[in-house]
Protein backbone atom coordinates (compact mmCIF):
# COMPACT_ATOMS: atom_id res chain seq x y z
CA MET A 1 82.01 -143.64 -79.54
CA LEU A 2 80.18 -142.81 -82.75
CA ILE A 3 79.99 -144.89 -85.92
CA ASP A 4 79.83 -143.26 -89.35
CA SER A 5 77.49 -145.66 -91.13
CA HIS A 6 78.08 -144.23 -94.63
CA CYS A 7 81.11 -142.44 -96.04
CA HIS A 8 83.32 -142.51 -99.14
CA LEU A 9 86.81 -142.40 -97.69
CA ASP A 10 88.42 -142.93 -101.08
CA ARG A 11 86.92 -139.64 -102.31
CA ILE A 12 87.98 -137.37 -99.46
CA ASP A 13 90.52 -134.64 -100.27
CA LEU A 14 93.43 -135.45 -97.97
CA GLY A 15 95.19 -132.14 -98.62
CA PRO A 16 94.07 -130.50 -95.34
CA PHE A 17 95.44 -133.41 -93.27
CA SER A 18 99.14 -133.23 -92.52
CA ASP A 19 99.56 -137.01 -92.49
CA GLY A 20 97.24 -137.76 -95.40
CA PHE A 21 94.92 -140.73 -94.92
CA ALA A 22 96.37 -141.55 -91.50
CA GLY A 23 95.80 -137.94 -90.47
CA MET A 24 92.18 -138.08 -91.56
CA LEU A 25 91.65 -141.26 -89.53
CA HIS A 26 93.40 -139.67 -86.55
CA SER A 27 91.08 -136.65 -86.70
CA ALA A 28 88.10 -139.01 -86.72
CA ALA A 29 89.42 -140.93 -83.72
CA GLN A 30 90.08 -137.69 -81.84
CA ALA A 31 86.46 -136.69 -82.48
CA GLY A 32 85.24 -139.98 -81.03
CA ILE A 33 84.47 -141.78 -84.29
CA GLN A 34 85.06 -145.44 -83.55
CA ARG A 35 84.19 -147.04 -86.87
CA MET A 36 83.38 -146.10 -90.48
CA LEU A 37 81.60 -147.90 -93.30
CA CYS A 38 83.26 -147.00 -96.59
CA VAL A 39 80.56 -147.40 -99.24
CA SER A 40 81.19 -148.59 -102.80
CA ILE A 41 79.84 -146.78 -105.86
CA ARG A 42 81.93 -148.47 -108.60
CA LEU A 43 83.06 -152.07 -108.92
CA ASP A 44 86.44 -151.16 -110.39
CA HIS A 45 87.14 -149.10 -107.26
CA PHE A 46 86.08 -151.89 -104.90
CA PRO A 47 89.54 -153.54 -104.55
CA ALA A 48 90.91 -150.33 -103.02
CA LEU A 49 88.01 -150.21 -100.54
CA LEU A 50 88.53 -153.84 -99.60
CA GLN A 51 92.24 -153.25 -99.04
CA MET A 52 91.39 -150.26 -96.87
CA ALA A 53 89.07 -152.39 -94.75
CA GLN A 54 91.68 -155.14 -94.46
CA ASP A 55 94.40 -152.68 -93.43
CA TYR A 56 92.44 -150.64 -90.87
CA PRO A 57 90.29 -152.29 -88.16
CA ALA A 58 88.16 -149.14 -87.86
CA ILE A 59 87.01 -149.40 -91.50
CA ASP A 60 84.33 -151.65 -92.96
CA CYS A 61 83.24 -151.63 -96.60
CA SER A 62 80.43 -152.49 -98.98
CA VAL A 63 80.26 -153.49 -102.63
CA GLY A 64 77.93 -152.06 -105.24
CA VAL A 65 77.29 -149.63 -108.07
CA HIS A 66 75.61 -146.29 -107.37
CA PRO A 67 72.30 -145.87 -109.23
CA SER A 68 73.64 -142.87 -111.18
CA GLU A 69 77.06 -144.33 -112.03
CA ARG A 70 77.60 -144.84 -115.77
CA GLU A 71 81.32 -145.65 -115.75
CA GLY A 72 83.03 -148.90 -114.81
CA PRO A 73 81.65 -152.46 -114.92
CA GLU A 74 77.93 -153.08 -114.65
CA ALA A 75 76.70 -154.89 -111.57
CA ARG A 76 75.95 -158.59 -112.01
CA VAL A 77 74.71 -160.96 -109.34
CA ALA A 78 77.72 -163.28 -109.70
CA ALA A 79 80.27 -160.47 -109.37
CA LEU A 80 78.49 -158.90 -106.41
CA CYS A 81 78.30 -162.26 -104.68
CA ARG A 82 81.98 -162.97 -105.32
CA ASP A 83 83.16 -159.64 -103.94
CA GLY A 84 80.49 -159.48 -101.27
CA ALA A 85 81.60 -162.79 -99.76
CA HIS A 86 84.66 -161.15 -98.14
CA PRO A 87 84.13 -160.87 -94.36
CA GLU A 88 85.08 -157.17 -94.44
CA VAL A 89 82.13 -156.49 -96.77
CA LEU A 90 79.17 -155.80 -94.53
CA ALA A 91 76.57 -154.76 -97.11
CA ILE A 92 75.53 -154.55 -100.75
CA GLY A 93 75.29 -151.06 -102.20
CA GLU A 94 74.92 -148.33 -102.38
CA THR A 95 72.07 -149.12 -104.69
CA GLY A 96 68.60 -147.84 -105.40
CA LEU A 97 67.07 -145.24 -107.69
CA ASP A 98 67.92 -141.64 -108.50
CA TYR A 99 65.45 -139.82 -110.73
CA HIS A 100 66.86 -136.39 -109.87
CA TYR A 101 69.98 -136.58 -112.04
CA ASN A 102 68.74 -139.18 -114.53
CA GLN A 103 66.15 -138.67 -117.26
CA GLY A 104 64.46 -140.70 -119.99
CA ASP A 105 63.99 -144.46 -119.92
CA LEU A 106 65.40 -145.53 -116.55
CA GLU A 107 64.65 -149.23 -116.73
CA TRP A 108 68.43 -149.85 -116.72
CA GLN A 109 68.54 -148.26 -113.28
CA ARG A 110 65.64 -150.29 -111.96
CA GLU A 111 67.21 -153.50 -113.25
CA ARG A 112 70.52 -152.61 -111.59
CA PHE A 113 68.61 -152.15 -108.35
CA ARG A 114 66.98 -155.57 -108.71
CA VAL A 115 70.39 -157.19 -109.32
CA HIS A 116 71.74 -155.77 -106.07
CA ILE A 117 68.75 -157.01 -104.08
CA ARG A 118 69.10 -160.49 -105.55
CA ALA A 119 72.79 -160.58 -104.65
CA ALA A 120 72.05 -159.36 -101.12
CA ARG A 121 69.48 -162.11 -100.66
CA GLU A 122 71.89 -164.74 -101.97
CA LEU A 123 74.60 -163.55 -99.57
CA ASN A 124 72.18 -162.77 -96.73
CA LYS A 125 73.74 -159.34 -96.34
CA PRO A 126 71.89 -156.04 -95.84
CA LEU A 127 71.33 -153.38 -98.48
CA ILE A 128 72.39 -149.72 -98.52
CA ILE A 129 69.62 -147.84 -100.31
CA HIS A 130 69.93 -144.53 -102.14
CA SER A 131 66.58 -143.05 -103.18
CA ARG A 132 66.09 -139.59 -104.65
CA ASP A 133 62.85 -138.40 -106.25
CA ALA A 134 61.91 -142.08 -106.63
CA ARG A 135 60.15 -143.08 -103.43
CA ALA A 136 57.25 -144.99 -105.02
CA ASP A 137 59.43 -147.06 -107.35
CA THR A 138 62.05 -147.63 -104.66
CA LEU A 139 59.50 -149.07 -102.26
CA ALA A 140 57.76 -151.07 -105.00
CA ILE A 141 61.01 -152.77 -106.06
CA LEU A 142 62.03 -153.44 -102.46
CA ARG A 143 58.71 -155.19 -101.94
CA ALA A 144 58.68 -157.06 -105.26
CA GLU A 145 62.23 -158.36 -104.80
CA LYS A 146 61.62 -159.39 -101.17
CA ALA A 147 64.27 -157.07 -99.78
CA ALA A 148 62.68 -157.41 -96.35
CA GLU A 149 64.42 -160.82 -96.13
CA VAL A 150 67.76 -159.04 -95.66
CA GLY A 151 66.81 -155.49 -94.65
CA GLY A 152 69.37 -152.73 -94.58
CA VAL A 153 69.38 -148.96 -94.37
CA MET A 154 67.74 -146.05 -96.17
CA HIS A 155 70.86 -143.91 -96.35
CA CYS A 156 70.89 -140.10 -96.20
CA PHE A 157 67.16 -140.07 -95.60
CA THR A 158 65.36 -136.93 -96.81
CA GLU A 159 61.81 -138.18 -97.41
CA ASP A 160 58.59 -137.75 -95.42
CA TRP A 161 57.27 -139.79 -92.50
CA ASP A 162 55.05 -142.00 -94.68
CA THR A 163 58.11 -143.10 -96.66
CA ALA A 164 60.07 -143.70 -93.46
CA GLN A 165 57.22 -145.77 -92.04
CA ALA A 166 57.02 -147.87 -95.21
CA ALA A 167 60.77 -148.54 -95.03
CA LEU A 168 60.55 -149.38 -91.34
CA ASP A 169 57.75 -151.82 -92.11
CA LEU A 170 60.15 -153.58 -94.50
CA GLY A 171 62.68 -153.95 -91.70
CA PHE A 172 64.99 -151.13 -92.78
CA TYR A 173 66.90 -148.69 -90.63
CA ILE A 174 66.80 -144.94 -91.28
CA SER A 175 70.07 -143.00 -91.47
CA PHE A 176 70.39 -139.23 -91.20
CA SER A 177 73.24 -137.18 -92.63
CA GLY A 178 74.33 -133.57 -92.14
CA ILE A 179 71.22 -132.47 -94.05
CA VAL A 180 69.26 -132.83 -90.81
CA THR A 181 71.28 -129.90 -89.39
CA PHE A 182 70.41 -127.50 -92.21
CA ARG A 183 68.22 -124.54 -91.25
CA THR A 184 65.69 -125.43 -93.94
CA ALA A 185 65.30 -129.06 -92.79
CA GLU A 186 62.64 -128.71 -90.08
CA ALA A 187 60.34 -131.24 -91.78
CA LEU A 188 63.20 -133.74 -91.85
CA ARG A 189 63.98 -133.07 -88.21
CA GLU A 190 60.38 -133.96 -87.38
CA VAL A 191 60.88 -137.32 -89.12
CA ALA A 192 64.10 -137.80 -87.14
CA ARG A 193 62.17 -137.27 -83.91
CA ARG A 194 59.73 -140.04 -84.85
CA VAL A 195 62.03 -142.81 -86.08
CA PRO A 196 62.21 -145.54 -83.41
CA LEU A 197 65.44 -145.29 -81.47
CA ASP A 198 66.32 -148.90 -82.28
CA ARG A 199 66.17 -148.15 -86.04
CA LEU A 200 68.21 -144.94 -86.11
CA LEU A 201 71.60 -144.61 -87.81
CA ILE A 202 73.88 -141.65 -88.41
CA GLU A 203 76.30 -140.87 -91.24
CA THR A 204 78.41 -138.22 -92.93
CA ASP A 205 78.20 -139.30 -96.60
CA ALA A 206 81.66 -137.70 -96.67
CA PRO A 207 83.02 -135.95 -98.63
CA TYR A 208 79.51 -134.67 -99.37
CA LEU A 209 76.84 -132.92 -97.27
CA ALA A 210 78.92 -131.41 -94.50
CA PRO A 211 76.74 -130.47 -91.52
CA MET A 212 76.26 -127.03 -90.08
CA PRO A 213 78.38 -125.06 -89.30
CA HIS A 214 80.54 -126.51 -92.10
CA ARG A 215 77.88 -126.60 -94.82
CA GLY A 216 79.38 -126.08 -98.27
CA LYS A 217 82.81 -127.34 -97.24
CA ALA A 218 84.35 -130.77 -97.76
CA ASN A 219 83.01 -133.31 -95.31
CA HIS A 220 84.97 -135.97 -93.41
CA PRO A 221 84.11 -138.42 -90.60
CA ALA A 222 85.21 -136.17 -87.73
CA LEU A 223 82.35 -133.82 -88.59
CA LEU A 224 79.83 -136.51 -87.66
CA VAL A 225 79.80 -135.00 -84.17
CA HIS A 226 77.70 -132.06 -85.40
CA THR A 227 75.00 -134.32 -86.82
CA ALA A 228 75.13 -136.38 -83.64
CA ALA A 229 74.64 -133.28 -81.51
CA CYS A 230 71.63 -132.23 -83.59
CA LEU A 231 69.99 -135.66 -83.36
CA ALA A 232 70.74 -135.97 -79.64
CA LYS A 233 69.03 -132.64 -79.01
CA LEU A 234 66.03 -133.67 -81.12
CA ARG A 235 65.68 -136.91 -79.16
CA ASP A 236 66.40 -135.32 -75.75
CA LEU A 237 69.40 -137.59 -75.31
CA SER A 238 73.02 -137.08 -74.41
CA ILE A 239 75.48 -137.59 -77.26
CA GLU A 240 76.80 -140.58 -75.29
CA ALA A 241 73.35 -142.18 -75.19
CA LEU A 242 72.75 -141.47 -78.88
CA SER A 243 76.15 -142.98 -79.67
CA GLN A 244 75.31 -146.12 -77.72
CA HIS A 245 71.97 -146.60 -79.46
CA THR A 246 73.22 -145.90 -82.98
CA GLY A 247 76.28 -148.08 -82.36
CA GLU A 248 74.12 -151.00 -81.28
CA ASN A 249 71.91 -150.43 -84.31
CA TYR A 250 74.92 -150.47 -86.64
CA HIS A 251 76.10 -153.80 -85.27
CA ARG A 252 72.62 -155.27 -85.55
CA CYS A 253 71.86 -153.90 -89.02
CA PHE A 254 75.18 -154.90 -90.56
CA LYS A 255 75.84 -157.97 -88.42
CA ALA A 256 79.14 -156.32 -87.55
CA ALA A 257 81.51 -158.12 -85.19
């Protein structure tokens, strides 16, 4: 049984599913997806994610503000700690840095990142890290704020091996999305071959980044099987063995019951 370690269930278009949200969850279960981590990007949307996690045993959630998000309340340590204390909240994030879509003075983004790390350390919960075109600053802030004390995951990893190694040295897991299946992603596949098996996670980032052969379409957790098949082939494993390893890693990374 596979675990989708990063998705945004509240953003998935439920139109194609005859029974709406329940239909989407049923399709995931039919595909062998045992569990899903619904990741927060806005604090004012968090109550809906928490309710989702409380209503459905297969769903976990996080709390945080995406590095590019400019709407909704700003992240503060006290608020993150209050919301993050719920047992259904397994992690803080997603947080990090995104220099691809943001320009100018980005100190506000770096400070937001620091706030999340401080909350994670106070709660002793892992971090979900988003990093795009910001590898040096991401790693520098993780080190400066002692993020290694709580660890977490580098989500939707697309960087080189040196960046992966630096994150691994800080105690982080590396998660691969459908991007690893893209025809142009051979360099990323080489990184995926090298990540230690006990630090490997897998995700959809649904509704974004659908894997081949669904690239360009809306993503949802059931499509995780295509990314799993790609990674299993890269690692010379059966999908069952990959599922077992990544499932154990999920439980260890997120201290999931």
